[in-house]
Amino acid sequence: MNPTARVISQAAQKFQRPTHHFRFFDLAVMVFVVVLLISNLIGQKICAVGPFRISGAQLLFPITYIFGDIFTEVYGYAGSRRAIWMGFFASALMAAFGMIVVALPPAPEWPHQAAFETVFSFIPRMVAASLVAYWAGEFANSYVMAKMKVWSGGKHLWMRTIGSTAVGQLVDSTVIMTLAFAGRASVSTIVNLIISGYLGKVLYEAAMTPVTYAVVNALKRAEKVDVYDIATDFSPFASGTEGEEFRPVESPVR
């Protein structure tokens, strides 16, 4: 082989990425999107739990961050990014059709238009707040999770899930509560929502650590690969899996 051909061959090998077919990624994304849509529907109700005030979405929304950790840990940052975009478009579609149906004239014999408007007319603002918070919170969560996995050599999953959630949820709770309730609730109520929501989500994540371990280990055994974001492009607008390193699964996550 002449020198020029050898250089071209070496360059091709360097930039050629391994391919892997993930069996359960689509199913995981489907569950993730369903949870996200339901949380947008129930999020406008403010519930009282003793002195704390929490949004109805906080019953389900923390699960989306657990999914974010699972996506990043099992499928890499690119997988998490794909899931976020799928949730974005699903939420936007729900909001658009919610506004259309609210605007359509109700049948004279149907007396529930006011109640219907109370629920669905708020969806666009909640969805917008959720998506803006996702841009900052979910991507921050996945970025920290991916970087900590490389730094730790794939060890100490509990530290990575709780650490990434502490960063992502701080951003998420601040952004979503401010955008969703500004002008509709007092400043003290919004601050209470942020603090209560943040503490609740982080504690929720910590309590769900055994479940996260079980799901991550089961998926890694099923997918037969472990993804490390060695040189990944972390831009939300990037595509592909360039920079990811696929390693065989050798032992359960510790």
Protein backbone atom coordinates (compact mmCIF):
# COMPACT_ATOMS: atom_id res chain seq x y z
CA MET A 1 0.00 0.00 0.00
CA ASN A 2 1.43 3.38 -1.01
CA PRO A 3 1.88 6.11 1.67
CA THR A 4 -1.09 8.18 0.48
CA ALA A 5 -3.47 5.21 0.57
CA ARG A 6 -2.15 4.23 4.00
CA VAL A 7 -2.85 7.73 5.39
CA ILE A 8 -6.37 7.70 3.94
CA SER A 9 -7.02 4.23 5.39
CA GLN A 10 -5.78 5.25 8.84
CA ALA A 11 -7.94 8.39 8.77
CA ALA A 12 -11.00 6.37 7.78
CA GLN A 13 -10.41 3.94 10.64
CA LYS A 14 -9.95 6.80 13.07
CA PHE A 15 -13.23 8.50 12.22
CA GLN A 16 -15.32 5.41 11.54
CA ARG A 17 -17.80 5.00 14.38
CA PRO A 18 -19.02 1.61 15.54
CA THR A 19 -22.71 0.97 15.09
CA HIS A 20 -24.97 -0.69 17.60
CA HIS A 21 -28.66 -1.51 17.46
CA PHE A 22 -30.39 -0.67 20.73
CA ARG A 23 -33.34 -2.94 21.39
CA PHE A 24 -35.18 -1.02 24.11
CA PHE A 25 -34.40 2.63 23.39
CA ASP A 26 -37.67 3.31 21.53
CA LEU A 27 -39.74 1.74 24.31
CA ALA A 28 -37.95 3.80 26.95
CA VAL A 29 -38.52 6.99 24.94
CA MET A 30 -42.22 6.17 24.56
CA VAL A 31 -42.68 5.83 28.34
CA PHE A 32 -40.63 8.99 28.89
CA VAL A 33 -42.79 11.03 26.49
CA VAL A 34 -46.04 9.76 28.06
CA VAL A 35 -44.85 10.79 31.53
CA LEU A 36 -43.80 14.21 30.18
CA LEU A 37 -47.19 14.83 28.53
CA ILE A 38 -49.14 13.80 31.64
CA SER A 39 -47.00 16.07 33.82
CA ASN A 40 -47.82 18.99 31.51
CA LEU A 41 -51.54 18.28 31.90
CA ILE A 42 -51.57 18.12 35.70
CA GLY A 43 -48.86 20.70 36.37
CA GLN A 44 -51.03 23.78 36.87
CA LYS A 45 -52.60 22.61 40.14
CA ILE A 46 -50.78 23.80 43.29
CA CYS A 47 -51.06 21.29 46.12
CA ALA A 48 -50.51 21.92 49.83
CA VAL A 49 -48.36 19.42 51.71
CA GLY A 50 -48.06 20.87 55.19
CA PRO A 51 -46.23 24.21 54.86
CA PHE A 52 -44.91 23.29 51.39
CA ARG A 53 -46.49 24.10 48.05
CA ILE A 54 -45.86 21.81 45.12
CA SER A 55 -47.11 21.69 41.55
CA GLY A 56 -49.11 18.65 40.52
CA ALA A 57 -46.45 17.90 37.92
CA GLN A 58 -43.95 17.14 40.66
CA LEU A 59 -45.67 13.80 41.23
CA LEU A 60 -44.42 12.67 37.82
CA PHE A 61 -41.90 15.19 36.52
CA PRO A 62 -38.96 13.91 38.62
CA ILE A 63 -39.35 10.59 36.81
CA THR A 64 -38.34 12.33 33.58
CA TYR A 65 -35.01 13.21 35.19
CA ILE A 66 -34.53 9.61 36.23
CA PHE A 67 -35.17 8.69 32.60
CA GLY A 68 -32.64 11.34 31.60
CA ASP A 69 -30.03 9.69 33.82
CA ILE A 70 -30.89 6.27 32.38
CA PHE A 71 -30.71 7.53 28.79
CA THR A 72 -27.32 9.16 29.37
CA GLU A 73 -25.91 6.21 31.32
CA VAL A 74 -27.10 3.48 28.95
CA TYR A 75 -27.44 5.20 25.57
CA GLY A 76 -25.06 8.14 25.92
CA TYR A 77 -25.66 11.87 25.62
CA ALA A 78 -26.83 11.47 22.02
CA GLY A 79 -29.60 9.14 23.16
CA SER A 80 -30.68 11.57 25.85
CA ARG A 81 -30.65 14.41 23.32
CA ARG A 82 -32.90 12.45 20.96
CA ALA A 83 -35.36 11.72 23.77
CA ILE A 84 -35.53 15.39 24.75
CA TRP A 85 -36.27 16.45 21.19
CA MET A 86 -38.99 13.80 20.86
CA GLY A 87 -40.57 15.07 24.06
CA PHE A 88 -40.31 18.63 22.75
CA PHE A 89 -42.25 17.90 19.56
CA ALA A 90 -44.84 15.75 21.36
CA SER A 91 -45.47 18.54 23.89
CA ALA A 92 -45.69 21.17 21.16
CA LEU A 93 -48.22 19.05 19.25
CA MET A 94 -50.34 18.56 22.37
CA ALA A 95 -50.31 22.29 23.08
CA ALA A 96 -51.27 23.19 19.51
CA PHE A 97 -54.23 20.82 19.41
CA GLY A 98 -55.28 21.87 22.91
CA MET A 99 -55.56 25.49 21.76
CA ILE A 100 -57.45 24.47 18.61
CA VAL A 101 -60.00 22.38 20.49
CA VAL A 102 -60.51 25.10 23.13
CA ALA A 103 -61.18 27.61 20.34
CA LEU A 104 -63.78 25.42 18.61
CA PRO A 105 -67.38 26.33 19.59
CA PRO A 106 -68.86 23.81 22.05
CA ALA A 107 -72.09 21.98 21.29
CA PRO A 108 -75.11 23.63 23.00
CA GLU A 109 -75.83 20.45 24.97
CA TRP A 110 -72.23 20.19 26.29
CA PRO A 111 -71.96 22.27 29.51
CA HIS A 112 -68.25 21.76 30.32
CA GLN A 113 -66.56 24.37 28.13
CA ALA A 114 -65.46 26.54 31.07
CA ALA A 115 -63.90 23.59 32.90
CA PHE A 116 -62.25 22.42 29.69
CA GLU A 117 -60.74 25.87 29.12
CA THR A 118 -59.48 26.03 32.69
CA VAL A 119 -57.39 22.91 32.10
CA PHE A 120 -56.33 23.15 28.46
CA SER A 121 -55.97 26.89 27.97
CA PHE A 122 -53.03 26.81 30.41
CA ILE A 123 -51.16 24.09 28.56
CA PRO A 124 -49.21 26.31 26.12
CA ARG A 125 -47.66 28.37 28.92
CA MET A 126 -46.84 25.29 30.98
CA VAL A 127 -45.40 23.52 27.96
CA ALA A 128 -43.33 26.57 27.01
CA ALA A 129 -42.03 26.86 30.57
CA SER A 130 -41.27 23.15 30.65
CA LEU A 131 -39.41 23.23 27.35
CA VAL A 132 -37.34 26.29 28.25
CA ALA A 133 -36.49 24.65 31.57
CA TYR A 134 -35.54 21.50 29.68
CA TRP A 135 -33.13 23.41 27.50
CA ALA A 136 -31.25 24.45 30.59
CA GLY A 137 -32.07 21.72 33.11
CA GLU A 138 -32.24 18.44 31.22
CA PHE A 139 -29.24 19.16 29.06
CA ALA A 140 -27.29 20.33 32.12
CA ASN A 141 -28.28 17.11 33.88
CA SER A 142 -27.17 14.94 30.95
CA TYR A 143 -23.95 16.91 30.44
CA VAL A 144 -22.92 16.54 34.10
CA MET A 145 -23.94 12.87 34.09
CA ALA A 146 -21.91 12.11 30.95
CA LYS A 147 -18.83 14.00 32.13
CA MET A 148 -18.91 12.40 35.59
CA LYS A 149 -19.17 8.95 33.98
CA VAL A 150 -15.94 9.56 32.05
CA TRP A 151 -14.18 11.08 35.08
CA SER A 152 -15.22 8.20 37.36
CA GLY A 153 -14.54 5.47 34.83
CA GLY A 154 -18.15 4.34 35.02
CA LYS A 155 -18.08 3.83 38.80
CA HIS A 156 -20.27 5.27 41.57
CA LEU A 157 -23.55 5.59 39.65
CA TRP A 158 -25.30 6.91 42.78
CA MET A 159 -22.91 9.86 42.93
CA ARG A 160 -23.45 10.66 39.27
CA THR A 161 -27.26 10.45 39.36
CA ILE A 162 -27.61 12.57 42.50
CA GLY A 163 -24.88 15.03 41.48
CA SER A 164 -26.29 15.60 38.00
CA THR A 165 -29.82 15.91 39.38
CA ALA A 166 -28.69 18.47 41.95
CA VAL A 167 -27.38 20.65 39.11
CA GLY A 168 -30.12 20.03 36.57
CA GLN A 169 -33.04 20.33 38.97
CA LEU A 170 -31.75 23.59 40.45
CA VAL A 171 -31.82 25.12 36.99
CA ASP A 172 -35.05 23.40 36.01
CA SER A 173 -37.02 24.28 39.14
CA THR A 174 -35.99 27.93 39.02
CA VAL A 175 -36.80 28.38 35.35
CA ILE A 176 -40.06 26.46 35.16
CA MET A 177 -41.65 27.87 38.32
CA THR A 178 -40.74 31.43 37.39
CA LEU A 179 -42.02 31.18 33.81
CA ALA A 180 -45.10 29.13 34.66
CA PHE A 181 -46.40 31.15 37.62
CA ALA A 182 -45.03 34.69 37.22
CA GLY A 183 -48.04 37.03 37.28
CA ARG A 184 -50.31 34.27 38.52
CA ALA A 185 -48.82 33.72 41.97
CA SER A 186 -46.99 35.88 44.50
CA VAL A 187 -43.19 36.03 44.64
CA SER A 188 -43.21 34.24 48.00
CA THR A 189 -45.32 31.43 46.53
CA ILE A 190 -42.98 31.08 43.55
CA VAL A 191 -39.92 30.97 45.85
CA ASN A 192 -41.69 28.37 47.98
CA LEU A 193 -42.46 26.34 44.84
CA ILE A 194 -38.82 26.51 43.72
CA ILE A 195 -37.37 25.47 47.07
CA SER A 196 -39.99 22.81 47.75
CA GLY A 197 -39.75 21.46 44.22
CA TYR A 198 -35.97 21.37 44.18
CA LEU A 199 -35.63 19.61 47.53
CA GLY A 200 -38.41 17.20 46.66
CA LYS A 201 -36.92 16.27 43.29
CA VAL A 202 -33.40 15.72 44.63
CA LEU A 203 -34.70 13.61 47.52
CA TYR A 204 -36.92 11.75 45.06
CA GLU A 205 -33.88 10.98 42.91
CA ALA A 206 -31.90 9.79 45.92
CA ALA A 207 -34.75 7.56 47.10
CA MET A 208 -35.12 6.05 43.63
CA THR A 209 -31.42 5.16 43.37
CA PRO A 210 -32.01 1.40 43.85
CA VAL A 211 -34.60 1.46 41.05
CA THR A 212 -32.21 3.39 38.80
CA TYR A 213 -29.48 0.83 39.47
CA ALA A 214 -31.84 -2.04 38.64
CA VAL A 215 -33.08 -0.48 35.40
CA VAL A 216 -29.61 0.58 34.25
CA ASN A 217 -28.10 -2.85 34.90
CA ALA A 218 -31.01 -4.63 33.19
CA LEU A 219 -30.80 -2.40 30.11
CA LYS A 220 -27.02 -2.69 29.85
CA ARG A 221 -27.23 -6.47 30.01
CA ALA A 222 -29.95 -6.44 27.35
CA GLU A 223 -28.20 -3.93 25.07
CA LYS A 224 -24.75 -5.54 25.62
CA VAL A 225 -22.92 -2.20 25.42
CA ASP A 226 -21.72 0.60 27.67
CA VAL A 227 -21.49 4.11 26.17
CA TYR A 228 -18.87 6.68 27.20
CA ASP A 229 -19.01 10.26 25.91
CA ILE A 230 -15.27 10.62 25.42
CA ALA A 231 -15.34 13.41 22.83
CA THR A 232 -19.05 14.01 22.27
CA ASP A 233 -20.42 17.24 20.82
CA PHE A 234 -22.75 18.37 23.62
CA SER A 235 -24.62 20.95 21.55
CA PRO A 236 -28.40 20.41 21.70
CA PHE A 237 -28.46 20.86 17.92
CA ALA A 238 -25.81 18.26 17.09
CA SER A 239 -26.73 14.88 15.64
CA GLY A 240 -25.14 11.48 15.47
CA THR A 241 -22.94 9.66 17.96
CA GLU A 242 -19.55 11.03 17.01
CA GLY A 243 -17.23 11.11 20.00
CA GLU A 244 -18.96 8.26 21.82
CA GLU A 245 -17.06 5.13 22.74
CA PHE A 246 -18.92 1.82 22.87
CA ARG A 247 -17.51 -0.66 25.37
CA PRO A 248 -18.68 -4.17 26.20
CA VAL A 249 -20.59 -4.63 29.45
CA GLU A 250 -18.23 -6.47 31.77
CA SER A 251 -19.87 -6.20 35.18
CA PRO A 252 -22.91 -4.64 36.90
CA VAL A 253 -22.85 -0.91 37.52
CA ARG A 254 -21.41 -0.07 40.94
